[in-house]
Amino acid sequence: MKPMQQYNSNEQDAASADGRPPPALSRSADLWPLNMDDFRYSHQQAALGNDLLYTSSIWIHEIPDGRNLDL
């Protein structure tokens, strides 16, 4: 939240320094509520990333010299 406030503040300062109108601030109407499909998709993406990280760490620990093993 803080980086977004800082970004908005910087944008407003830059606009006033250039003589431009300030940018429109976002409102709650600009956001949409999350539903269960959004949660499932996020969970699936995180699980895929964790699987890749786990597989990479096994590869690094078991084959530290970087040999190419055709499995």
PDB file of N, CA and C in Angstrom:
ATOM      1  N   MET A   1       0.825  -1.192   0.000  1.00  0.00           N
ATOM      2  CA  MET A   1       0.000   0.000   0.000  1.00  0.00           C
ATOM      3  C   MET A   1       0.873   1.261   0.000  1.00  0.00           C
ATOM      4  N   LYS A   2       1.908   1.221   0.808  1.00  0.00           N
ATOM      5  CA  LYS A   2       2.764   2.396   0.894  1.00  0.00           C
ATOM      6  C   LYS A   2       3.450   2.722  -0.433  1.00  0.00           C
ATOM      7  N   PRO A   3       3.983   1.726  -1.168  1.00  0.00           N
ATOM      8  CA  PRO A   3       4.584   2.075  -2.473  1.00  0.00           C
ATOM      9  C   PRO A   3       3.575   2.723  -3.426  1.00  0.00           C
ATOM     10  N   MET A   4       2.323   2.285  -3.384  1.00  0.00           N
ATOM     11  CA  MET A   4       1.307   2.873  -4.270  1.00  0.00           C
ATOM     12  C   MET A   4       1.034   4.318  -3.881  1.00  0.00           C
ATOM     13  N   GLN A   5       0.985   4.599  -2.582  1.00  0.00           N
ATOM     14  CA  GLN A   5       0.771   5.975  -2.140  1.00  0.00           C
ATOM     15  C   GLN A   5       1.950   6.850  -2.539  1.00  0.00           C
ATOM     16  N   GLN A   6       3.141   6.305  -2.410  1.00  0.00           N
ATOM     17  CA  GLN A   6       4.331   7.054  -2.775  1.00  0.00           C
ATOM     18  C   GLN A   6       4.353   7.308  -4.284  1.00  0.00           C
ATOM     19  N   TYR A   7       3.955   6.309  -5.062  1.00  0.00           N
ATOM     20  CA  TYR A   7       3.899   6.468  -6.514  1.00  0.00           C
ATOM     21  C   TYR A   7       2.893   7.558  -6.888  1.00  0.00           C
ATOM     22  N   ASN A   8       1.696   7.505  -6.269  1.00  0.00           N
ATOM     23  CA  ASN A   8       0.672   8.514  -6.564  1.00  0.00           C
ATOM     24  C   ASN A   8       1.168   9.905  -6.197  1.00  0.00           C
ATOM     25  N   SER A   9       1.847  10.021  -5.066  1.00  0.00           N
ATOM     26  CA  SER A   9       2.374  11.311  -4.637  1.00  0.00           C
ATOM     27  C   SER A   9       3.414  11.824  -5.628  1.00  0.00           C
ATOM     28  N   ASN A  10       4.309  10.944  -6.066  1.00  0.00           N
ATOM     29  CA  ASN A  10       5.334  11.341  -7.034  1.00  0.00           C
ATOM     30  C   ASN A  10       4.713  11.767  -8.359  1.00  0.00           C
ATOM     31  N   GLU A  11       3.678  11.057  -8.788  1.00  0.00           N
ATOM     32  CA  GLU A  11       3.011  11.410 -10.045  1.00  0.00           C
ATOM     33  C   GLU A  11       2.326  12.763  -9.932  1.00  0.00           C
ATOM     34  N   GLN A  12       1.699  13.021  -8.788  1.00  0.00           N
ATOM     35  CA  GLN A  12       1.037  14.312  -8.598  1.00  0.00           C
ATOM     36  C   GLN A  12       2.052  15.451  -8.554  1.00  0.00           C
ATOM     37  N   ASP A  13       3.171  15.225  -7.877  1.00  0.00           N
ATOM     38  CA  ASP A  13       4.216  16.245  -7.811  1.00  0.00           C
ATOM     39  C   ASP A  13       4.785  16.537  -9.200  1.00  0.00           C
ATOM     40  N   ALA A  14       5.022  15.501  -9.976  1.00  0.00           N
ATOM     41  CA  ALA A  14       5.564  15.673 -11.327  1.00  0.00           C
ATOM     42  C   ALA A  14       4.574  16.421 -12.212  1.00  0.00           C
ATOM     43  N   ALA A  15       3.300  16.107 -12.086  1.00  0.00           N
ATOM     44  CA  ALA A  15       2.291  16.774 -12.907  1.00  0.00           C
ATOM     45  C   ALA A  15       2.197  18.254 -12.549  1.00  0.00           C
ATOM     46  N   SER A  16       2.218  18.568 -11.263  1.00  0.00           N
ATOM     47  CA  SER A  16       2.121  19.984 -10.875  1.00  0.00           C
ATOM     48  C   SER A  16       3.382  20.748 -11.287  1.00  0.00           C
ATOM     49  N   ALA A  17       4.539  20.107 -11.263  1.00  0.00           N
ATOM     50  CA  ALA A  17       5.780  20.769 -11.675  1.00  0.00           C
ATOM     51  C   ALA A  17       5.769  21.058 -13.172  1.00  0.00           C
ATOM     52  N   ASP A  18       5.125  20.202 -13.965  1.00  0.00           N
ATOM     53  CA  ASP A  18       5.054  20.385 -15.414  1.00  0.00           C
ATOM     54  C   ASP A  18       3.857  21.214 -15.850  1.00  0.00           C
ATOM     55  N   GLY A  19       3.017  21.594 -14.895  1.00  0.00           N
ATOM     56  CA  GLY A  19       1.830  22.367 -15.232  1.00  0.00           C
ATOM     57  C   GLY A  19       0.705  21.531 -15.808  1.00  0.00           C
ATOM     58  N   ARG A  20       0.772  20.226 -15.619  1.00  0.00           N
ATOM     59  CA  ARG A  20      -0.291  19.332 -16.102  1.00  0.00           C
ATOM     60  C   ARG A  20      -1.313  19.109 -14.994  1.00  0.00           C
ATOM     61  N   PRO A  21      -2.510  18.691 -15.349  1.00  0.00           N
ATOM     62  CA  PRO A  21      -3.482  18.348 -14.310  1.00  0.00           C
ATOM     63  C   PRO A  21      -3.038  17.077 -13.589  1.00  0.00           C
ATOM     64  N   PRO A  22      -3.356  16.947 -12.324  1.00  0.00           N
ATOM     65  CA  PRO A  22      -2.933  15.745 -11.590  1.00  0.00           C
ATOM     66  C   PRO A  22      -3.636  14.501 -12.135  1.00  0.00           C
ATOM     67  N   PRO A  23      -2.961  13.368 -12.076  1.00  0.00           N
ATOM     68  CA  PRO A  23      -3.586  12.135 -12.564  1.00  0.00           C
ATOM     69  C   PRO A  23      -4.766  11.743 -11.678  1.00  0.00           C
ATOM     70  N   ALA A  24      -5.698  11.053 -12.275  1.00  0.00           N
ATOM     71  CA  ALA A  24      -6.867  10.596 -11.511  1.00  0.00           C
ATOM     72  C   ALA A  24      -6.431   9.523 -10.526  1.00  0.00           C
ATOM     73  N   LEU A  25      -6.955   9.607  -9.326  1.00  0.00           N
ATOM     74  CA  LEU A  25      -6.653   8.597  -8.317  1.00  0.00           C
ATOM     75  C   LEU A  25      -7.557   7.397  -8.527  1.00  0.00           C
ATOM     76  N   SER A  26      -7.066   6.243  -8.171  1.00  0.00           N
ATOM     77  CA  SER A  26      -7.904   5.048  -8.306  1.00  0.00           C
ATOM     78  C   SER A  26      -8.932   5.030  -7.189  1.00  0.00           C
ATOM     79  N   ARG A  27     -10.074   4.432  -7.487  1.00  0.00           N
ATOM     80  CA  ARG A  27     -11.169   4.332  -6.527  1.00  0.00           C
ATOM     81  C   ARG A  27     -11.476   2.857  -6.323  1.00  0.00           C
ATOM     82  N   SER A  28     -12.257   2.582  -5.318  1.00  0.00           N
ATOM     83  CA  SER A  28     -12.628   1.190  -5.067  1.00  0.00           C
ATOM     84  C   SER A  28     -13.448   0.636  -6.235  1.00  0.00           C
ATOM     85  N   ALA A  29     -14.112   1.500  -6.989  1.00  0.00           N
ATOM     86  CA  ALA A  29     -14.879   1.043  -8.147  1.00  0.00           C
ATOM     87  C   ALA A  29     -13.952   0.547  -9.260  1.00  0.00           C
ATOM     88  N   ASP A  30     -12.669   0.935  -9.211  1.00  0.00           N
ATOM     89  CA  ASP A  30     -11.708   0.489 -10.218  1.00  0.00           C
ATOM     90  C   ASP A  30     -11.230  -0.935  -9.964  1.00  0.00           C
ATOM     91  N   LEU A  31     -11.520  -1.457  -8.802  1.00  0.00           N
ATOM     92  CA  LEU A  31     -11.084  -2.797  -8.418  1.00  0.00           C
ATOM     93  C   LEU A  31     -12.258  -3.761  -8.501  1.00  0.00           C
ATOM     94  N   TRP A  32     -11.977  -5.023  -8.687  1.00  0.00           N
ATOM     95  CA  TRP A  32     -13.034  -6.010  -8.716  1.00  0.00           C
ATOM     96  C   TRP A  32     -12.800  -7.035  -7.611  1.00  0.00           C
ATOM     97  N   PRO A  33     -13.857  -7.609  -7.102  1.00  0.00           N
ATOM     98  CA  PRO A  33     -13.697  -8.602  -6.037  1.00  0.00           C
ATOM     99  C   PRO A  33     -13.131  -9.906  -6.589  1.00  0.00           C
ATOM    100  N   LEU A  34     -12.369 -10.584  -5.770  1.00  0.00           N
ATOM    101  CA  LEU A  34     -11.837 -11.883  -6.158  1.00  0.00           C
ATOM    102  C   LEU A  34     -12.905 -12.944  -5.986  1.00  0.00           C
ATOM    103  N   ASN A  35     -12.857 -13.932  -6.850  1.00  0.00           N
ATOM    104  CA  ASN A  35     -13.777 -15.051  -6.696  1.00  0.00           C
ATOM    105  C   ASN A  35     -12.958 -16.336  -6.549  1.00  0.00           C
ATOM    106  N   MET A  36     -13.609 -17.441  -6.395  1.00  0.00           N
ATOM    107  CA  MET A  36     -12.922 -18.696  -6.133  1.00  0.00           C
ATOM    108  C   MET A  36     -12.031 -19.109  -7.310  1.00  0.00           C
ATOM    109  N   ASP A  37     -12.429 -18.809  -8.538  1.00  0.00           N
ATOM    110  CA  ASP A  37     -11.597 -19.145  -9.697  1.00  0.00           C
ATOM    111  C   ASP A  37     -10.267 -18.383  -9.662  1.00  0.00           C
ATOM    112  N   ASP A  38     -10.303 -17.120  -9.219  1.00  0.00           N
ATOM    113  CA  ASP A  38      -9.065 -16.353  -9.075  1.00  0.00           C
ATOM    114  C   ASP A  38      -8.150 -17.019  -8.059  1.00  0.00           C
ATOM    115  N   PHE A  39      -8.707 -17.446  -6.951  1.00  0.00           N
ATOM    116  CA  PHE A  39      -7.920 -18.113  -5.916  1.00  0.00           C
ATOM    117  C   PHE A  39      -7.325 -19.413  -6.438  1.00  0.00           C
ATOM    118  N   ARG A  40      -8.124 -20.210  -7.136  1.00  0.00           N
ATOM    119  CA  ARG A  40      -7.627 -21.490  -7.676  1.00  0.00           C
ATOM    120  C   ARG A  40      -6.482 -21.263  -8.658  1.00  0.00           C
ATOM    121  N   TYR A  41      -6.634 -20.280  -9.526  1.00  0.00           N
ATOM    122  CA  TYR A  41      -5.596 -19.988 -10.505  1.00  0.00           C
ATOM    123  C   TYR A  41      -4.302 -19.568  -9.797  1.00  0.00           C
ATOM    124  N   SER A  42      -4.403 -18.682  -8.820  1.00  0.00           N
ATOM    125  CA  SER A  42      -3.227 -18.232  -8.086  1.00  0.00           C
ATOM    126  C   SER A  42      -2.561 -19.387  -7.359  1.00  0.00           C
ATOM    127  N   HIS A  43      -3.371 -20.230  -6.756  1.00  0.00           N
ATOM    128  CA  HIS A  43      -2.829 -21.380  -6.029  1.00  0.00           C
ATOM    129  C   HIS A  43      -2.116 -22.327  -6.988  1.00  0.00           C
ATOM    130  N   GLN A  44      -2.699 -22.549  -8.155  1.00  0.00           N
ATOM    131  CA  GLN A  44      -2.088 -23.424  -9.159  1.00  0.00           C
ATOM    132  C   GLN A  44      -0.746 -22.859  -9.626  1.00  0.00           C
ATOM    133  N   GLN A  45      -0.689 -21.554  -9.875  1.00  0.00           N
ATOM    134  CA  GLN A  45       0.545 -20.936 -10.329  1.00  0.00           C
ATOM    135  C   GLN A  45       1.633 -21.012  -9.261  1.00  0.00           C
ATOM    136  N   ALA A  46       1.252 -20.800  -8.013  1.00  0.00           N
ATOM    137  CA  ALA A  46       2.225 -20.888  -6.918  1.00  0.00           C
ATOM    138  C   ALA A  46       2.727 -22.316  -6.769  1.00  0.00           C
ATOM    139  N   ALA A  47       1.840 -23.292  -6.901  1.00  0.00           N
ATOM    140  CA  ALA A  47       2.238 -24.693  -6.777  1.00  0.00           C
ATOM    141  C   ALA A  47       3.207 -25.074  -7.897  1.00  0.00           C
ATOM    142  N   LEU A  48       2.962 -24.595  -9.107  1.00  0.00           N
ATOM    143  CA  LEU A  48       3.869 -24.884 -10.223  1.00  0.00           C
ATOM    144  C   LEU A  48       5.245 -24.279  -9.969  1.00  0.00           C
ATOM    145  N   GLY A  49       5.278 -23.068  -9.448  1.00  0.00           N
ATOM    146  CA  GLY A  49       6.545 -22.428  -9.137  1.00  0.00           C
ATOM    147  C   GLY A  49       7.308 -23.175  -8.053  1.00  0.00           C
ATOM    148  N   ASN A  50       6.584 -23.650  -7.043  1.00  0.00           N
ATOM    149  CA  ASN A  50       7.228 -24.407  -5.968  1.00  0.00           C
ATOM    150  C   ASN A  50       7.778 -25.725  -6.480  1.00  0.00           C
ATOM    151  N   ASP A  51       7.049 -26.398  -7.360  1.00  0.00           N
ATOM    152  CA  ASP A  51       7.528 -27.659  -7.932  1.00  0.00           C
ATOM    153  C   ASP A  51       8.820 -27.435  -8.721  1.00  0.00           C
ATOM    154  N   LEU A  52       8.862 -26.372  -9.497  1.00  0.00           N
ATOM    155  CA  LEU A  52      10.058 -26.061 -10.278  1.00  0.00           C
ATOM    156  C   LEU A  52      11.233 -25.744  -9.363  1.00  0.00           C
ATOM    157  N   LEU A  53      10.982 -24.977  -8.313  1.00  0.00           N
ATOM    158  CA  LEU A  53      12.037 -24.637  -7.363  1.00  0.00           C
ATOM    159  C   LEU A  53      12.568 -25.886  -6.679  1.00  0.00           C
ATOM    160  N   TYR A  54      11.674 -26.776  -6.282  1.00  0.00           N
ATOM    161  CA  TYR A  54      12.070 -28.020  -5.617  1.00  0.00           C
ATOM    162  C   TYR A  54      12.904 -28.891  -6.558  1.00  0.00           C
ATOM    163  N   THR A  55      12.451 -29.032  -7.797  1.00  0.00           N
ATOM    164  CA  THR A  55      13.171 -29.840  -8.778  1.00  0.00           C
ATOM    165  C   THR A  55      14.551 -29.243  -9.049  1.00  0.00           C
ATOM    166  N   SER A  56      14.637 -27.936  -9.155  1.00  0.00           N
ATOM    167  CA  SER A  56      15.924 -27.287  -9.399  1.00  0.00           C
ATOM    168  C   SER A  56      16.878 -27.501  -8.239  1.00  0.00           C
ATOM    169  N   SER A  57      16.372 -27.422  -7.011  1.00  0.00           N
ATOM    170  CA  SER A  57      17.261 -27.595  -5.860  1.00  0.00           C
ATOM    171  C   SER A  57      17.771 -29.029  -5.779  1.00  0.00           C
ATOM    172  N   ILE A  58      16.931 -29.997  -6.133  1.00  0.00           N
ATOM    173  CA  ILE A  58      17.384 -31.390  -6.151  1.00  0.00           C
ATOM    174  C   ILE A  58      18.477 -31.547  -7.207  1.00  0.00           C
ATOM    175  N   TRP A  59      18.268 -30.976  -8.370  1.00  0.00           N
ATOM    176  CA  TRP A  59      19.241 -31.071  -9.454  1.00  0.00           C
ATOM    177  C   TRP A  59      20.576 -30.467  -9.013  1.00  0.00           C
ATOM    178  N   ILE A  60      20.536 -29.315  -8.403  1.00  0.00           N
ATOM    179  CA  ILE A  60      21.763 -28.641  -7.977  1.00  0.00           C
ATOM    180  C   ILE A  60      22.481 -29.446  -6.904  1.00  0.00           C
ATOM    181  N   HIS A  61      21.739 -30.005  -5.941  1.00  0.00           N
ATOM    182  CA  HIS A  61      22.365 -30.736  -4.842  1.00  0.00           C
ATOM    183  C   HIS A  61      22.867 -32.115  -5.263  1.00  0.00           C
ATOM    184  N   GLU A  62      22.171 -32.774  -6.160  1.00  0.00           N
ATOM    185  CA  GLU A  62      22.561 -34.126  -6.547  1.00  0.00           C
ATOM    186  C   GLU A  62      23.611 -34.133  -7.654  1.00  0.00           C
ATOM    187  N   ILE A  63      23.610 -33.111  -8.492  1.00  0.00           N
ATOM    188  CA  ILE A  63      24.543 -33.071  -9.615  1.00  0.00           C
ATOM    189  C   ILE A  63      25.239 -31.703  -9.598  1.00  0.00           C
ATOM    190  N   PRO A  64      26.129 -31.477  -8.632  1.00  0.00           N
ATOM    191  CA  PRO A  64      26.709 -30.145  -8.469  1.00  0.00           C
ATOM    192  C   PRO A  64      27.674 -29.732  -9.575  1.00  0.00           C
ATOM    193  N   ASP A  65      28.226 -30.671 -10.310  1.00  0.00           N
ATOM    194  CA  ASP A  65      29.206 -30.280 -11.336  1.00  0.00           C
ATOM    195  C   ASP A  65      28.553 -29.916 -12.654  1.00  0.00           C
ATOM    196  N   GLY A  66      27.212 -29.971 -12.744  1.00  0.00           N
ATOM    197  CA  GLY A  66      26.511 -29.534 -13.938  1.00  0.00           C
ATOM    198  C   GLY A  66      26.559 -30.510 -15.093  1.00  0.00           C
ATOM    199  N   ARG A  67      26.870 -31.767 -14.820  1.00  0.00           N
ATOM    200  CA  ARG A  67      26.894 -32.750 -15.905  1.00  0.00           C
ATOM    201  C   ARG A  67      25.513 -32.853 -16.546  1.00  0.00           C
ATOM    202  N   ASN A  68      25.484 -33.092 -17.805  1.00  0.00           N
ATOM    203  CA  ASN A  68      24.234 -33.258 -18.520  1.00  0.00           C
ATOM    204  C   ASN A  68      23.907 -34.754 -18.538  1.00  0.00           C
ATOM    205  N   LEU A  69      22.886 -35.117 -17.792  1.00  0.00           N
ATOM    206  CA  LEU A  69      22.472 -36.516 -17.765  1.00  0.00           C
ATOM    207  C   LEU A  69      21.214 -36.676 -18.613  1.00  0.00           C
ATOM    208  N   ASP A  70      21.292 -37.459 -19.642  1.00  0.00           N
ATOM    209  CA  ASP A  70      20.108 -37.720 -20.461  1.00  0.00           C
ATOM    210  C   ASP A  70      19.281 -38.784 -19.756  1.00  0.00           C
ATOM    211  N   LEU A  71      18.134 -38.357 -19.254  1.00  0.00           N
ATOM    212  CA  LEU A  71      17.274 -39.284 -18.503  1.00  0.00           C
ATOM    213  C   LEU A  71      16.273 -39.946 -19.404  1.00  0.00           C
TER     214      LEU A  71
END
